[in-house]
Amino acid sequence: MGRLLRSREVIELRSDLGGGKTTFVRGLARGIGSKDTVTSPTFTLNKIYRGPAGREIHHFDFYRLSDPGVVADQLAESLGDPNVITVVEWSDIVQDVLPAEHITIEFKPTANSQDERQITITYPESESSLIKKLETEWTQTKL
């Protein structure tokens, strides 16, 4: 998916603890060409992963916060940057900051394996071409 993103996308990740959100962001970062080490921002609240040509992923995690405070301001700045892909975990307390048109990716464990996830992507019409390309890429990868 990272290879297909143009920047300015906003991705909300939903799952239980240990559901695969950070692993997904690791793949996004690799997809934009970042060599940075991707780790969960649970204790730091946000991390930045840099790719070539000034592209960045700003990864936010609001799990430990009851009030977003200044991190909501940082999130708002990221949303306005044309070179940034914004990824948000545990976003309930910043729903008023997120744009209405954003991609939501939900990971649910499967009954078959502890390591497998069912992935549901909800997206606005403005992102339909991205998702169609992604579906094609995933189909080709599975062959």
Protein backbone atom coordinates (compact mmCIF):
# COMPACT_ATOMS: atom_id res chain seq x y z
CA MET A 1 0.00 0.00 0.00
CA GLY A 2 2.87 2.38 0.79
CA ARG A 3 4.01 2.32 -2.85
CA LEU A 4 0.55 3.44 -3.97
CA LEU A 5 0.10 6.35 -1.55
CA ARG A 6 0.53 9.86 -2.92
CA SER A 7 0.85 11.68 0.44
CA ARG A 8 -1.80 13.63 2.32
CA GLU A 9 -3.71 10.40 2.93
CA VAL A 10 -5.03 9.88 6.43
CA ILE A 11 -5.24 6.31 7.66
CA GLU A 12 -6.99 5.33 10.86
CA LEU A 13 -5.94 1.91 12.19
CA ARG A 14 -8.28 -0.10 14.40
CA SER A 15 -7.61 -3.34 16.26
CA ASP A 16 -7.12 -4.74 19.71
CA LEU A 17 -3.73 -4.53 21.41
CA GLY A 18 -1.25 -6.63 19.44
CA GLY A 19 -3.59 -6.64 16.44
CA GLY A 20 -0.99 -5.82 13.80
CA LYS A 21 -1.15 -2.03 13.54
CA THR A 22 2.60 -1.43 13.94
CA THR A 23 3.40 -4.30 11.58
CA PHE A 24 1.14 -2.66 9.01
CA VAL A 25 2.90 0.70 9.45
CA ARG A 26 6.23 -1.09 9.02
CA GLY A 27 5.00 -2.24 5.59
CA LEU A 28 3.76 1.27 4.72
CA ALA A 29 7.15 2.76 5.60
CA ARG A 30 8.97 0.16 3.54
CA GLY A 31 6.55 0.88 0.68
CA ILE A 32 7.42 4.59 0.59
CA GLY A 33 11.12 3.70 0.63
CA SER A 34 11.88 4.52 4.27
CA LYS A 35 14.88 2.81 5.86
CA ASP A 36 13.82 3.93 9.34
CA THR A 37 13.15 1.41 12.10
CA VAL A 38 9.41 1.31 12.76
CA THR A 39 8.29 0.76 16.33
CA SER A 40 5.06 1.43 18.17
CA PRO A 41 4.65 5.04 19.31
CA THR A 42 2.58 3.98 22.34
CA PHE A 43 4.96 5.59 24.84
CA THR A 44 6.24 8.43 22.63
CA LEU A 45 2.79 9.26 21.17
CA ASN A 46 4.10 9.88 17.66
CA LYS A 47 6.95 8.90 15.36
CA ILE A 48 8.08 10.09 11.96
CA TYR A 49 9.43 7.78 9.25
CA ARG A 50 11.19 9.48 6.36
CA GLY A 51 11.27 8.28 2.77
CA PRO A 52 12.91 9.68 -0.35
CA ALA A 53 11.84 12.95 -1.96
CA GLY A 54 10.73 14.43 1.37
CA ARG A 55 7.85 11.99 1.88
CA GLU A 56 7.07 11.08 5.48
CA ILE A 57 4.74 8.95 7.52
CA HIS A 58 3.61 10.54 10.78
CA HIS A 59 2.46 7.73 13.06
CA PHE A 60 0.31 8.71 16.07
CA ASP A 61 -0.87 6.52 18.93
CA PHE A 62 -3.45 7.92 21.37
CA TYR A 63 -3.87 4.75 23.43
CA ARG A 64 -2.49 6.13 26.71
CA LEU A 65 -4.19 9.52 26.52
CA SER A 66 -7.51 10.55 28.00
CA ASP A 67 -7.12 14.02 26.46
CA PRO A 68 -5.14 14.58 23.25
CA GLY A 69 -3.71 17.96 24.38
CA VAL A 70 -0.84 19.30 22.26
CA VAL A 71 -0.57 16.00 20.36
CA ALA A 72 -3.86 16.92 18.68
CA ASP A 73 -2.16 20.12 17.49
CA GLN A 74 0.74 18.07 16.10
CA LEU A 75 -1.78 15.81 14.37
CA ALA A 76 -3.51 18.84 12.83
CA GLU A 77 -0.13 20.09 11.49
CA SER A 78 0.59 16.70 9.94
CA LEU A 79 -2.80 16.66 8.26
CA GLY A 80 -1.96 19.92 6.50
CA ASP A 81 1.45 18.86 5.19
CA PRO A 82 1.36 17.83 1.50
CA ASN A 83 4.34 15.45 1.91
CA VAL A 84 2.92 13.53 4.85
CA ILE A 85 0.89 10.33 5.12
CA THR A 86 -0.79 10.46 8.54
CA VAL A 87 -1.48 7.21 10.39
CA VAL A 88 -3.50 7.25 13.62
CA GLU A 89 -4.05 4.48 16.17
CA TRP A 90 -6.64 4.65 18.97
CA SER A 91 -8.22 7.68 17.35
CA ASP A 92 -11.43 7.98 19.36
CA ILE A 93 -10.30 11.11 21.22
CA VAL A 94 -9.21 12.92 18.02
CA GLN A 95 -12.16 12.18 15.75
CA ASP A 96 -12.93 15.91 15.63
CA VAL A 97 -9.39 16.57 14.29
CA LEU A 98 -9.43 13.85 11.62
CA PRO A 99 -10.87 14.83 8.26
CA ALA A 100 -14.22 13.25 7.46
CA GLU A 101 -12.67 11.66 4.38
CA HIS A 102 -10.05 9.24 5.62
CA ILE A 103 -9.24 5.58 5.20
CA THR A 104 -10.05 3.25 8.09
CA ILE A 105 -8.32 -0.12 8.25
CA GLU A 106 -9.53 -2.62 10.82
CA PHE A 107 -7.64 -5.78 11.76
CA LYS A 108 -9.48 -8.68 13.38
CA PRO A 109 -7.92 -12.01 14.34
CA THR A 110 -9.11 -15.06 12.45
CA ALA A 111 -10.16 -18.32 14.05
CA ASN A 112 -7.59 -20.21 11.96
CA SER A 113 -4.36 -18.68 13.24
CA GLN A 114 -3.08 -16.29 15.86
CA ASP A 115 -0.96 -14.64 13.14
CA GLU A 116 -3.70 -14.18 10.50
CA ARG A 117 -5.93 -11.13 10.33
CA GLN A 118 -9.14 -10.29 8.55
CA ILE A 119 -8.64 -6.80 7.15
CA THR A 120 -11.55 -4.46 6.45
CA ILE A 121 -10.90 -1.18 4.64
CA THR A 122 -13.46 1.61 4.73
CA TYR A 123 -12.74 4.54 2.47
CA PRO A 124 -14.29 7.63 0.91
CA GLU A 125 -15.11 7.76 -2.80
CA SER A 126 -12.09 10.05 -3.29
CA GLU A 127 -9.81 7.09 -2.43
CA SER A 128 -11.58 4.48 -4.57
CA SER A 129 -8.89 4.42 -7.28
CA LEU A 130 -6.21 3.82 -4.64
CA ILE A 131 -8.17 0.93 -3.13
CA LYS A 132 -8.86 -0.60 -6.56
CA LYS A 133 -5.10 -0.52 -7.30
CA LEU A 134 -4.44 -2.04 -3.89
CA GLU A 135 -6.91 -4.85 -4.55
CA THR A 136 -5.15 -5.58 -7.85
CA GLU A 137 -1.73 -5.56 -6.18
CA TRP A 138 -2.90 -7.92 -3.42
CA THR A 139 -4.44 -10.28 -5.99
CA GLN A 140 -1.18 -10.34 -7.94
CA THR A 141 0.85 -10.90 -4.77
CA LYS A 142 -1.19 -13.94 -3.79
CA LEU A 143 -0.48 -15.76 -7.08
